[in-house]
C-alpha atoms as a PDB file:
ATOM      1  CA  UNK A   1     -37.894 -82.553  35.160  1.00  0.00           C
ATOM      2  CA  UNK A   2     -37.613 -80.893  31.780  1.00  0.00           C
ATOM      3  CA  UNK A   3     -37.787 -82.415  28.340  1.00  0.00           C
ATOM      4  CA  UNK A   4     -36.776 -80.646  25.138  1.00  0.00           C
ATOM      5  CA  UNK A   5     -37.324 -81.355  21.476  1.00  0.00           C
ATOM      6  CA  UNK A   6     -35.728 -79.611  18.500  1.00  0.00           C
ATOM      7  CA  UNK A   7     -37.057 -79.073  15.019  1.00  0.00           C
ATOM      8  CA  UNK A   8     -36.231 -77.110  11.897  1.00  0.00           C
ATOM      9  CA  UNK A   9     -32.971 -78.516  10.588  1.00  0.00           C
ATOM     10  CA  UNK A  10     -32.330 -79.291   6.946  1.00  0.00           C
ATOM     11  CA  UNK A  11     -30.219 -78.691   3.876  1.00  0.00           C
ATOM     12  CA  UNK A  12     -29.527 -75.152   2.699  1.00  0.00           C
ATOM     13  CA  UNK A  13     -27.112 -73.477   0.320  1.00  0.00           C
ATOM     14  CA  UNK A  14     -24.370 -71.227   1.577  1.00  0.00           C
ATOM     15  CA  UNK A  15     -25.726 -67.754   2.256  1.00  0.00           C
ATOM     16  CA  UNK A  16     -29.160 -69.087   3.088  1.00  0.00           C
ATOM     17  CA  UNK A  17     -31.115 -69.088   6.345  1.00  0.00           C
ATOM     18  CA  UNK A  18     -32.735 -71.591   8.656  1.00  0.00           C
ATOM     19  CA  UNK A  19     -34.661 -71.272  11.888  1.00  0.00           C
ATOM     20  CA  UNK A  20     -34.432 -73.921  14.552  1.00  0.00           C
ATOM     21  CA  UNK A  21     -37.055 -74.326  17.262  1.00  0.00           C
ATOM     22  CA  UNK A  22     -36.832 -76.004  20.627  1.00  0.00           C
ATOM     23  CA  UNK A  23     -39.823 -76.720  22.812  1.00  0.00           C
ATOM     24  CA  UNK A  24     -39.510 -77.524  26.485  1.00  0.00           C
ATOM     25  CA  UNK A  25     -42.084 -79.428  28.483  1.00  0.00           C
ATOM     26  CA  UNK A  26     -42.422 -80.641  32.028  1.00  0.00           C
ATOM     27  CA  UNK A  27     -41.452 -78.381  34.927  1.00  0.00           C
ATOM     28  CA  UNK A  28     -40.906 -75.231  32.887  1.00  0.00           C
ATOM     29  CA  UNK A  29     -41.237 -73.119  36.032  1.00  0.00           C
ATOM     30  CA  UNK A  30     -37.753 -74.420  36.925  1.00  0.00           C
ATOM     31  CA  UNK A  31     -36.320 -73.712  33.488  1.00  0.00           C
ATOM     32  CA  UNK A  32     -33.518 -71.220  34.080  1.00  0.00           C
ATOM     33  CA  UNK A  33     -32.133 -71.160  30.586  1.00  0.00           C
ATOM     34  CA  UNK A  34     -32.133 -72.848  27.204  1.00  0.00           C
ATOM     35  CA  UNK A  35     -29.175 -73.079  24.887  1.00  0.00           C
ATOM     36  CA  UNK A  36     -28.021 -74.342  21.532  1.00  0.00           C
ATOM     37  CA  UNK A  37     -24.900 -76.381  21.020  1.00  0.00           C
ATOM     38  CA  UNK A  38     -23.570 -77.956  17.854  1.00  0.00           C
ATOM     39  CA  UNK A  39     -21.287 -80.801  16.943  1.00  0.00           C
ATOM     40  CA  UNK A  40     -19.608 -81.092  13.574  1.00  0.00           C
ATOM     41  CA  UNK A  41     -18.213 -84.421  12.335  1.00  0.00           C
ATOM     42  CA  UNK A  42     -14.965 -85.254  14.100  1.00  0.00           C
ATOM     43  CA  UNK A  43     -15.198 -82.275  16.433  1.00  0.00           C
ATOM     44  CA  UNK A  44     -16.249 -81.693  20.003  1.00  0.00           C
ATOM     45  CA  UNK A  45     -19.624 -80.240  20.803  1.00  0.00           C
ATOM     46  CA  UNK A  46     -19.468 -76.465  21.082  1.00  0.00           C
ATOM     47  CA  UNK A  47     -21.667 -73.773  22.593  1.00  0.00           C
ATOM     48  CA  UNK A  48     -23.635 -71.596  20.164  1.00  0.00           C
ATOM     49  CA  UNK A  49     -26.108 -69.434  22.079  1.00  0.00           C
ATOM     50  CA  UNK A  50     -28.133 -69.202  25.270  1.00  0.00           C
ATOM     51  CA  UNK A  51     -31.291 -67.517  26.454  1.00  0.00           C
ATOM     52  CA  UNK A  52     -31.677 -67.133  30.183  1.00  0.00           C
ATOM     53  CA  UNK A  53     -35.110 -66.385  31.516  1.00  0.00           C
ATOM     54  CA  UNK A  54     -34.174 -64.209  34.470  1.00  0.00           C
ATOM     55  CA  UNK A  55     -32.303 -60.995  33.913  1.00  0.00           C
ATOM     56  CA  UNK A  56     -29.239 -62.083  31.991  1.00  0.00           C
ATOM     57  CA  UNK A  57     -30.912 -62.184  28.623  1.00  0.00           C
ATOM     58  CA  UNK A  58     -29.128 -63.726  25.664  1.00  0.00           C
ATOM     59  CA  UNK A  59     -25.567 -64.471  24.627  1.00  0.00           C
ATOM     60  CA  UNK A  60     -24.254 -65.687  21.292  1.00  0.00           C
ATOM     61  CA  UNK A  61     -20.847 -67.231  20.690  1.00  0.00           C
ATOM     62  CA  UNK A  62     -18.405 -64.903  18.925  1.00  0.00           C
ATOM     63  CA  UNK A  63     -18.027 -67.575  16.245  1.00  0.00           C
ATOM     64  CA  UNK A  64     -21.570 -66.940  15.004  1.00  0.00           C
ATOM     65  CA  UNK A  65     -22.314 -63.479  16.348  1.00  0.00           C
ATOM     66  CA  UNK A  66     -23.788 -61.217  13.717  1.00  0.00           C
ATOM     67  CA  UNK A  67     -25.292 -64.163  11.841  1.00  0.00           C
ATOM     68  CA  UNK A  68     -27.217 -66.146  14.484  1.00  0.00           C
ATOM     69  CA  UNK A  69     -29.938 -64.775  16.753  1.00  0.00           C
ATOM     70  CA  UNK A  70     -31.485 -66.551  19.720  1.00  0.00           C
ATOM     71  CA  UNK A  71     -34.925 -65.628  20.988  1.00  0.00           C
ATOM     72  CA  UNK A  72     -37.676 -67.165  23.039  1.00  0.00           C
ATOM     73  CA  UNK A  73     -41.093 -66.765  24.552  1.00  0.00           C
ATOM     74  CA  UNK A  74     -41.853 -65.523  28.035  1.00  0.00           C
ATOM     75  CA  UNK A  75     -43.431 -68.757  29.138  1.00  0.00           C
ATOM     76  CA  UNK A  76     -39.942 -70.271  29.351  1.00  0.00           C
ATOM     77  CA  UNK A  77     -41.001 -72.967  27.001  1.00  0.00           C
ATOM     78  CA  UNK A  78     -39.618 -72.272  23.546  1.00  0.00           C
ATOM     79  CA  UNK A  79     -36.441 -70.890  22.060  1.00  0.00           C
ATOM     80  CA  UNK A  80     -35.545 -70.205  18.474  1.00  0.00           C
ATOM     81  CA  UNK A  81     -32.230 -69.984  16.699  1.00  0.00           C
ATOM     82  CA  UNK A  82     -32.376 -67.855  13.575  1.00  0.00           C
ATOM     83  CA  UNK A  83     -29.359 -68.674  11.435  1.00  0.00           C
ATOM     84  CA  UNK A  84     -28.533 -66.278   8.617  1.00  0.00           C
ATOM     85  CA  UNK A  85     -25.767 -66.161   6.029  1.00  0.00           C
ATOM     86  CA  UNK A  86     -25.002 -69.807   6.675  1.00  0.00           C
ATOM     87  CA  UNK A  87     -21.585 -71.165   5.776  1.00  0.00           C
ATOM     88  CA  UNK A  88     -20.441 -74.739   5.046  1.00  0.00           C
ATOM     89  CA  UNK A  89     -18.562 -74.713   8.366  1.00  0.00           C
ATOM     90  CA  UNK A  90     -21.932 -74.338  10.141  1.00  0.00           C
ATOM     91  CA  UNK A  91     -22.758 -77.890   9.105  1.00  0.00           C
ATOM     92  CA  UNK A  92     -23.366 -79.859  12.291  1.00  0.00           C
ATOM     93  CA  UNK A  93     -25.913 -81.550  14.474  1.00  0.00           C
ATOM     94  CA  UNK A  94     -27.537 -78.841  16.553  1.00  0.00           C
ATOM     95  CA  UNK A  95     -28.642 -79.709  20.059  1.00  0.00           C
ATOM     96  CA  UNK A  96     -31.032 -77.867  22.327  1.00  0.00           C
ATOM     97  CA  UNK A  97     -30.474 -78.041  26.067  1.00  0.00           C
ATOM     98  CA  UNK A  98     -32.339 -76.765  29.109  1.00  0.00           C
ATOM     99  CA  UNK A  99     -31.159 -76.056  32.623  1.00  0.00           C
ATOM    100  CA  UNK A 100     -33.156 -76.591  35.791  1.00  0.00           C
ATOM    101  CA  UNK A 101     -30.148 -75.382  37.803  1.00  0.00           C
ATOM    102  CA  UNK A 102     -29.635 -71.782  38.809  1.00  0.00           C
ATOM    103  CA  UNK A 103     -26.090 -70.455  38.554  1.00  0.00           C
ATOM    104  CA  UNK A 104     -25.244 -66.852  39.304  1.00  0.00           C
ATOM    105  CA  UNK A 105     -22.266 -66.770  36.976  1.00  0.00           C
ATOM    106  CA  UNK A 106     -23.460 -66.017  33.475  1.00  0.00           C
ATOM    107  CA  UNK A 107     -20.445 -67.619  31.874  1.00  0.00           C
ATOM    108  CA  UNK A 108     -21.389 -70.982  33.360  1.00  0.00           C
ATOM    109  CA  UNK A 109     -24.283 -71.065  30.914  1.00  0.00           C
ATOM    110  CA  UNK A 110     -21.794 -70.973  28.026  1.00  0.00           C
ATOM    111  CA  UNK A 111     -20.651 -74.448  29.021  1.00  0.00           C
ATOM    112  CA  UNK A 112     -22.451 -77.788  29.270  1.00  0.00           C
ATOM    113  CA  UNK A 113     -22.332 -77.725  33.088  1.00  0.00           C
ATOM    114  CA  UNK A 114     -25.817 -76.361  33.857  1.00  0.00           C
ATOM    115  CA  UNK A 115     -27.752 -78.345  31.288  1.00  0.00           C
ATOM    116  CA  UNK A 116     -29.542 -81.447  32.466  1.00  0.00           C
ATOM    117  CA  UNK A 117     -32.038 -81.914  29.633  1.00  0.00           C
ATOM    118  CA  UNK A 118     -30.913 -82.446  26.054  1.00  0.00           C
ATOM    119  CA  UNK A 119     -32.722 -82.987  22.801  1.00  0.00           C
ATOM    120  CA  UNK A 120     -31.768 -85.633  20.263  1.00  0.00           C
ATOM    121  CA  UNK A 121     -30.381 -83.087  17.844  1.00  0.00           C
ATOM    122  CA  UNK A 122     -31.304 -81.835  14.412  1.00  0.00           C
ATOM    123  CA  UNK A 123     -29.015 -81.952  11.396  1.00  0.00           C
ATOM    124  CA  UNK A 124     -28.082 -78.743   9.608  1.00  0.00           C
ATOM    125  CA  UNK A 125     -26.185 -79.137   6.345  1.00  0.00           C
ATOM    126  CA  UNK A 126     -24.894 -76.152   4.399  1.00  0.00           C
ATOM    127  CA  UNK A 127     -23.746 -76.825   0.848  1.00  0.00           C
ATOM    128  CA  UNK A 128     -21.178 -74.682  -0.916  1.00  0.00           C
END
């Protein structure tokens, strides 16, 4: 089983940058992908970005594309979310998730379906 833990949230002014980190532990050999989701107050949790370890690479939601970059190491143990040009609407709790399930459809990894390990979340607040 996988466990994940996020770090790196905080308070930043609009236009600033933050980098979030997520470390996975446990059976990382069965870690097929790690993703970031976020949940703003009063809203549903939404997909932000994913890094898959085999072939499919990375994908970033159109809502943050061009500002957020996801990357990770080859040991399948850590992913990073570099967030640039932050806006007040990026304020949310950011969650890291890992999947020990292999799906052949890439788009499945843009939903919560594959993810069976979740972190507790880290708060990102962007002031105007």
